[in-house]
Amino acid sequence: MEILGYIAALIAAVAFAVLVIYLAKTLKAASRTLNDVASTLEGVEKQMQGITSETAELLSKTNHLAEDIGEKAQKLNTLVDGIEGIGDTVHSLNNSIRNVSNKVALSAEQHTEQTGQVLKWGSVILDLWKKKKQNEANEVASVPAVQPTEQPLPVKETSH
């Protein structure tokens, strides 16, 4: 019976040794896995720092671009206001021209007879002026032309 106790103790010792060996292997594998996870997290941390710096730079450029767009929009608003003023001026000019045109048409309708007489007198004066110019041209044409003399021109001698 005593042998049976020794055999039981020996089996328990072997079982305990096998358990310790498998437990050691499992702990080594877990240790390697944790080391891999730690190195992966370090890489992720470095990448996050790079992403953070790039994000900060992008945000700075975006703010600068937004300010630039704001300035240009303000200048564009000034230009649009100027163009609107030009449009108002052109509109006022059109109204003024329309009013003057209407007044001239109304005046012409009211003074149709007088306008006709003025046109007739203008036509008569123009005809008289043309006749006067024609007569002057005829008088100039009737004057005999002066004939040049047929004497030779004197030749100057030059020394060489």
C-alpha atoms as a PDB file:
ATOM      1  CA  MET A   1       0.000   0.000   0.000  1.00  0.00           C
ATOM      2  CA  GLU A   2       2.769   2.175   0.608  1.00  0.00           C
ATOM      3  CA  ILE A   3       3.869   1.563  -2.957  1.00  0.00           C
ATOM      4  CA  LEU A   4       0.509   2.685  -4.109  1.00  0.00           C
ATOM      5  CA  GLY A   5       1.029   5.995  -2.276  1.00  0.00           C
ATOM      6  CA  TYR A   6       4.410   6.425  -3.946  1.00  0.00           C
ATOM      7  CA  ILE A   7       2.983   5.663  -7.367  1.00  0.00           C
ATOM      8  CA  ALA A   8       0.138   8.146  -6.736  1.00  0.00           C
ATOM      9  CA  ALA A   9       2.652  10.781  -5.630  1.00  0.00           C
ATOM     10  CA  LEU A  10       4.824  10.056  -8.686  1.00  0.00           C
ATOM     11  CA  ILE A  11       1.796  10.359 -11.054  1.00  0.00           C
ATOM     12  CA  ALA A  12       0.803  13.601  -9.323  1.00  0.00           C
ATOM     13  CA  ALA A  13       4.373  14.934  -9.664  1.00  0.00           C
ATOM     14  CA  VAL A  14       4.515  14.020 -13.393  1.00  0.00           C
ATOM     15  CA  ALA A  15       1.072  15.540 -13.965  1.00  0.00           C
ATOM     16  CA  PHE A  16       2.166  18.679 -12.131  1.00  0.00           C
ATOM     17  CA  ALA A  17       5.370  18.848 -14.238  1.00  0.00           C
ATOM     18  CA  VAL A  18       3.375  18.427 -17.490  1.00  0.00           C
ATOM     19  CA  LEU A  19       0.976  21.134 -16.295  1.00  0.00           C
ATOM     20  CA  VAL A  20       3.864  23.499 -15.520  1.00  0.00           C
ATOM     21  CA  ILE A  21       5.475  22.817 -18.951  1.00  0.00           C
ATOM     22  CA  TYR A  22       2.234  23.566 -20.838  1.00  0.00           C
ATOM     23  CA  LEU A  23       1.580  26.576 -18.626  1.00  0.00           C
ATOM     24  CA  ALA A  24       5.107  27.902 -19.352  1.00  0.00           C
ATOM     25  CA  LYS A  25       4.592  27.452 -23.123  1.00  0.00           C
ATOM     26  CA  THR A  26       1.242  29.242 -22.916  1.00  0.00           C
ATOM     27  CA  LEU A  27       2.758  32.105 -20.909  1.00  0.00           C
ATOM     28  CA  LYS A  28       5.654  32.443 -23.427  1.00  0.00           C
ATOM     29  CA  ALA A  29       3.165  32.595 -26.331  1.00  0.00           C
ATOM     30  CA  ALA A  30       1.084  35.167 -24.439  1.00  0.00           C
ATOM     31  CA  SER A  31       4.252  37.147 -23.725  1.00  0.00           C
ATOM     32  CA  ARG A  32       5.202  37.169 -27.457  1.00  0.00           C
ATOM     33  CA  THR A  33       1.670  38.215 -28.393  1.00  0.00           C
ATOM     34  CA  LEU A  34       1.727  41.057 -25.868  1.00  0.00           C
ATOM     35  CA  ASN A  35       5.151  42.203 -27.188  1.00  0.00           C
ATOM     36  CA  ASP A  36       3.767  42.210 -30.748  1.00  0.00           C
ATOM     37  CA  VAL A  37       0.733  44.175 -29.595  1.00  0.00           C
ATOM     38  CA  ALA A  38       3.000  46.666 -27.814  1.00  0.00           C
ATOM     39  CA  SER A  39       5.172  47.209 -30.921  1.00  0.00           C
ATOM     40  CA  THR A  40       2.053  47.555 -33.080  1.00  0.00           C
ATOM     41  CA  LEU A  41       0.670  50.170 -30.688  1.00  0.00           C
ATOM     42  CA  GLU A  42       3.973  52.073 -30.840  1.00  0.00           C
ATOM     43  CA  GLY A  43       3.724  52.147 -34.644  1.00  0.00           C
ATOM     44  CA  VAL A  44       0.115  53.308 -34.433  1.00  0.00           C
ATOM     45  CA  GLU A  45       1.143  56.023 -31.972  1.00  0.00           C
ATOM     46  CA  LYS A  46       3.868  57.296 -34.356  1.00  0.00           C
ATOM     47  CA  GLN A  47       1.402  57.267 -37.259  1.00  0.00           C
ATOM     48  CA  MET A  48      -1.133  59.162 -35.151  1.00  0.00           C
ATOM     49  CA  GLN A  49       1.494  61.818 -34.373  1.00  0.00           C
ATOM     50  CA  GLY A  50       2.147  62.214 -38.115  1.00  0.00           C
ATOM     51  CA  ILE A  51      -1.577  62.378 -38.827  1.00  0.00           C
ATOM     52  CA  THR A  52      -2.016  64.937 -36.039  1.00  0.00           C
ATOM     53  CA  SER A  53       0.723  67.203 -37.402  1.00  0.00           C
ATOM     54  CA  GLU A  54      -0.641  66.909 -40.965  1.00  0.00           C
ATOM     55  CA  THR A  55      -4.149  67.630 -39.695  1.00  0.00           C
ATOM     56  CA  ALA A  56      -2.919  70.729 -37.851  1.00  0.00           C
ATOM     57  CA  GLU A  57      -1.124  71.934 -40.998  1.00  0.00           C
ATOM     58  CA  LEU A  58      -4.219  71.256 -43.123  1.00  0.00           C
ATOM     59  CA  LEU A  59      -6.394  73.134 -40.633  1.00  0.00           C
ATOM     60  CA  SER A  60      -4.002  76.102 -40.760  1.00  0.00           C
ATOM     61  CA  LYS A  61      -4.089  76.151 -44.581  1.00  0.00           C
ATOM     62  CA  THR A  62      -7.873  75.846 -44.523  1.00  0.00           C
ATOM     63  CA  ASN A  63      -8.150  78.827 -42.159  1.00  0.00           C
ATOM     64  CA  HIS A  64      -5.820  80.866 -44.401  1.00  0.00           C
ATOM     65  CA  LEU A  65      -7.856  79.896 -47.462  1.00  0.00           C
ATOM     66  CA  ALA A  66     -11.111  80.824 -45.694  1.00  0.00           C
ATOM     67  CA  GLU A  67      -9.683  84.267 -44.831  1.00  0.00           C
ATOM     68  CA  ASP A  68      -8.536  84.749 -48.444  1.00  0.00           C
ATOM     69  CA  ILE A  69     -11.968  83.770 -49.757  1.00  0.00           C
ATOM     70  CA  GLY A  70     -13.583  86.189 -47.299  1.00  0.00           C
ATOM     71  CA  GLU A  71     -11.374  89.061 -48.513  1.00  0.00           C
ATOM     72  CA  LYS A  72     -12.079  88.273 -52.158  1.00  0.00           C
ATOM     73  CA  ALA A  73     -15.804  87.989 -51.471  1.00  0.00           C
ATOM     74  CA  GLN A  74     -15.699  91.458 -49.872  1.00  0.00           C
ATOM     75  CA  LYS A  75     -13.921  92.869 -52.948  1.00  0.00           C
ATOM     76  CA  LEU A  76     -16.449  91.150 -55.183  1.00  0.00           C
ATOM     77  CA  ASN A  77     -19.291  92.702 -53.169  1.00  0.00           C
ATOM     78  CA  THR A  78     -17.732  96.129 -53.754  1.00  0.00           C
ATOM     79  CA  LEU A  79     -17.542  95.402 -57.491  1.00  0.00           C
ATOM     80  CA  VAL A  80     -21.159  94.234 -57.574  1.00  0.00           C
ATOM     81  CA  ASP A  81     -22.234  97.399 -55.749  1.00  0.00           C
ATOM     82  CA  GLY A  82     -20.356  99.494 -58.344  1.00  0.00           C
ATOM     83  CA  ILE A  83     -21.981  97.626 -61.213  1.00  0.00           C
ATOM     84  CA  GLU A  84     -25.370  98.121 -59.576  1.00  0.00           C
ATOM     85  CA  GLY A  85     -24.660 101.868 -59.435  1.00  0.00           C
ATOM     86  CA  ILE A  86     -23.757 101.857 -63.134  1.00  0.00           C
ATOM     87  CA  GLY A  87     -27.008 100.026 -63.883  1.00  0.00           C
ATOM     88  CA  ASP A  88     -28.974 102.646 -61.956  1.00  0.00           C
ATOM     89  CA  THR A  89     -27.186 105.424 -63.865  1.00  0.00           C
ATOM     90  CA  VAL A  90     -27.931 103.793 -67.232  1.00  0.00           C
ATOM     91  CA  HIS A  91     -31.557 103.372 -66.209  1.00  0.00           C
ATOM     92  CA  SER A  92     -31.770 107.056 -65.261  1.00  0.00           C
ATOM     93  CA  LEU A  93     -30.117 108.037 -68.555  1.00  0.00           C
ATOM     94  CA  ASN A  94     -32.614 105.911 -70.502  1.00  0.00           C
ATOM     95  CA  ASN A  95     -35.482 107.594 -68.671  1.00  0.00           C
ATOM     96  CA  SER A  96     -34.030 111.036 -69.417  1.00  0.00           C
ATOM     97  CA  ILE A  97     -33.583 110.213 -73.116  1.00  0.00           C
ATOM     98  CA  ARG A  98     -37.122 108.826 -73.257  1.00  0.00           C
ATOM     99  CA  ASN A  99     -38.478 112.015 -71.655  1.00  0.00           C
ATOM    100  CA  VAL A 100     -36.557 114.268 -74.063  1.00  0.00           C
ATOM    101  CA  SER A 101     -37.678 112.143 -77.020  1.00  0.00           C
ATOM    102  CA  ASN A 102     -41.290 112.339 -75.884  1.00  0.00           C
ATOM    103  CA  LYS A 103     -41.024 116.124 -75.466  1.00  0.00           C
ATOM    104  CA  VAL A 104     -39.479 116.516 -78.933  1.00  0.00           C
ATOM    105  CA  ALA A 105     -42.193 114.334 -80.493  1.00  0.00           C
ATOM    106  CA  LEU A 106     -44.894 116.263 -78.671  1.00  0.00           C
ATOM    107  CA  SER A 107     -43.377 119.586 -79.701  1.00  0.00           C
ATOM    108  CA  ALA A 108     -43.083 118.399 -83.321  1.00  0.00           C
ATOM    109  CA  GLU A 109     -46.724 117.355 -83.318  1.00  0.00           C
ATOM    110  CA  GLN A 110     -47.799 120.674 -81.858  1.00  0.00           C
ATOM    111  CA  HIS A 111     -45.713 122.733 -84.294  1.00  0.00           C
ATOM    112  CA  THR A 112     -46.074 120.605 -87.428  1.00  0.00           C
ATOM    113  CA  GLU A 113     -46.900 123.577 -89.657  1.00  0.00           C
ATOM    114  CA  GLN A 114     -44.006 125.662 -88.346  1.00  0.00           C
ATOM    115  CA  THR A 115     -41.642 122.708 -88.711  1.00  0.00           C
ATOM    116  CA  GLY A 116     -42.709 122.246 -92.334  1.00  0.00           C
ATOM    117  CA  GLN A 117     -42.045 125.904 -93.066  1.00  0.00           C
ATOM    118  CA  VAL A 118     -38.637 125.742 -91.430  1.00  0.00           C
ATOM    119  CA  LEU A 119     -37.777 122.696 -93.557  1.00  0.00           C
ATOM    120  CA  LYS A 120     -38.934 124.476 -96.742  1.00  0.00           C
ATOM    121  CA  TRP A 121     -36.878 127.588 -95.917  1.00  0.00           C
ATOM    122  CA  GLY A 122     -33.892 125.397 -95.084  1.00  0.00           C
ATOM    123  CA  SER A 123     -34.267 123.653 -98.442  1.00  0.00           C
ATOM    124  CA  VAL A 124     -34.495 127.008-100.277  1.00  0.00           C
ATOM    125  CA  ILE A 125     -31.416 128.358 -98.480  1.00  0.00           C
ATOM    126  CA  LEU A 126     -29.500 125.162 -99.277  1.00  0.00           C
ATOM    127  CA  ASP A 127     -30.452 125.413-102.983  1.00  0.00           C
ATOM    128  CA  LEU A 128     -29.355 129.070-103.092  1.00  0.00           C
ATOM    129  CA  TRP A 129     -26.054 128.220-101.466  1.00  0.00           C
ATOM    130  CA  LYS A 130     -25.438 125.389-103.990  1.00  0.00           C
ATOM    131  CA  LYS A 131     -26.246 127.756-106.896  1.00  0.00           C
ATOM    132  CA  LYS A 132     -23.846 130.356-105.510  1.00  0.00           C
ATOM    133  CA  LYS A 133     -21.064 127.760-105.278  1.00  0.00           C
ATOM    134  CA  GLN A 134     -21.842 126.599-108.822  1.00  0.00           C
ATOM    135  CA  ASN A 135     -21.639 130.168-110.125  1.00  0.00           C
ATOM    136  CA  GLU A 136     -18.305 130.718-108.382  1.00  0.00           C
ATOM    137  CA  ALA A 137     -16.961 127.500-109.885  1.00  0.00           C
ATOM    138  CA  ASN A 138     -18.125 128.578-113.361  1.00  0.00           C
ATOM    139  CA  GLU A 139     -16.430 131.983-112.987  1.00  0.00           C
ATOM    140  CA  VAL A 140     -13.142 130.355-112.000  1.00  0.00           C
ATOM    141  CA  ALA A 141     -13.362 127.990-114.985  1.00  0.00           C
ATOM    142  CA  SER A 142     -14.005 130.848-117.423  1.00  0.00           C
ATOM    143  CA  VAL A 143     -10.857 132.782-116.428  1.00  0.00           C
ATOM    144  CA  PRO A 144      -8.060 131.949-118.931  1.00  0.00           C
ATOM    145  CA  ALA A 145      -5.167 130.050-117.526  1.00  0.00           C
ATOM    146  CA  VAL A 146      -1.792 131.761-117.519  1.00  0.00           C
ATOM    147  CA  GLN A 147       0.620 130.134-119.962  1.00  0.00           C
ATOM    148  CA  PRO A 148       4.111 129.548-118.667  1.00  0.00           C
ATOM    149  CA  THR A 149       6.940 131.329-120.444  1.00  0.00           C
ATOM    150  CA  GLU A 150       9.103 129.256-122.675  1.00  0.00           C
ATOM    151  CA  GLN A 151      12.404 130.548-121.464  1.00  0.00           C
ATOM    152  CA  PRO A 152      14.845 127.925-120.272  1.00  0.00           C
ATOM    153  CA  LEU A 153      15.741 127.944-116.617  1.00  0.00           C
ATOM    154  CA  PRO A 154      19.261 129.119-115.837  1.00  0.00           C
ATOM    155  CA  VAL A 155      21.686 126.320-114.975  1.00  0.00           C
ATOM    156  CA  LYS A 156      23.958 126.768-112.037  1.00  0.00           C
ATOM    157  CA  GLU A 157      27.473 125.538-112.385  1.00  0.00           C
ATOM    158  CA  THR A 158      28.918 123.589-109.543  1.00  0.00           C
ATOM    159  CA  SER A 159      32.591 123.021-108.934  1.00  0.00           C
ATOM    160  CA  HIS A 160      33.774 119.497-108.405  1.00  0.00           C
END
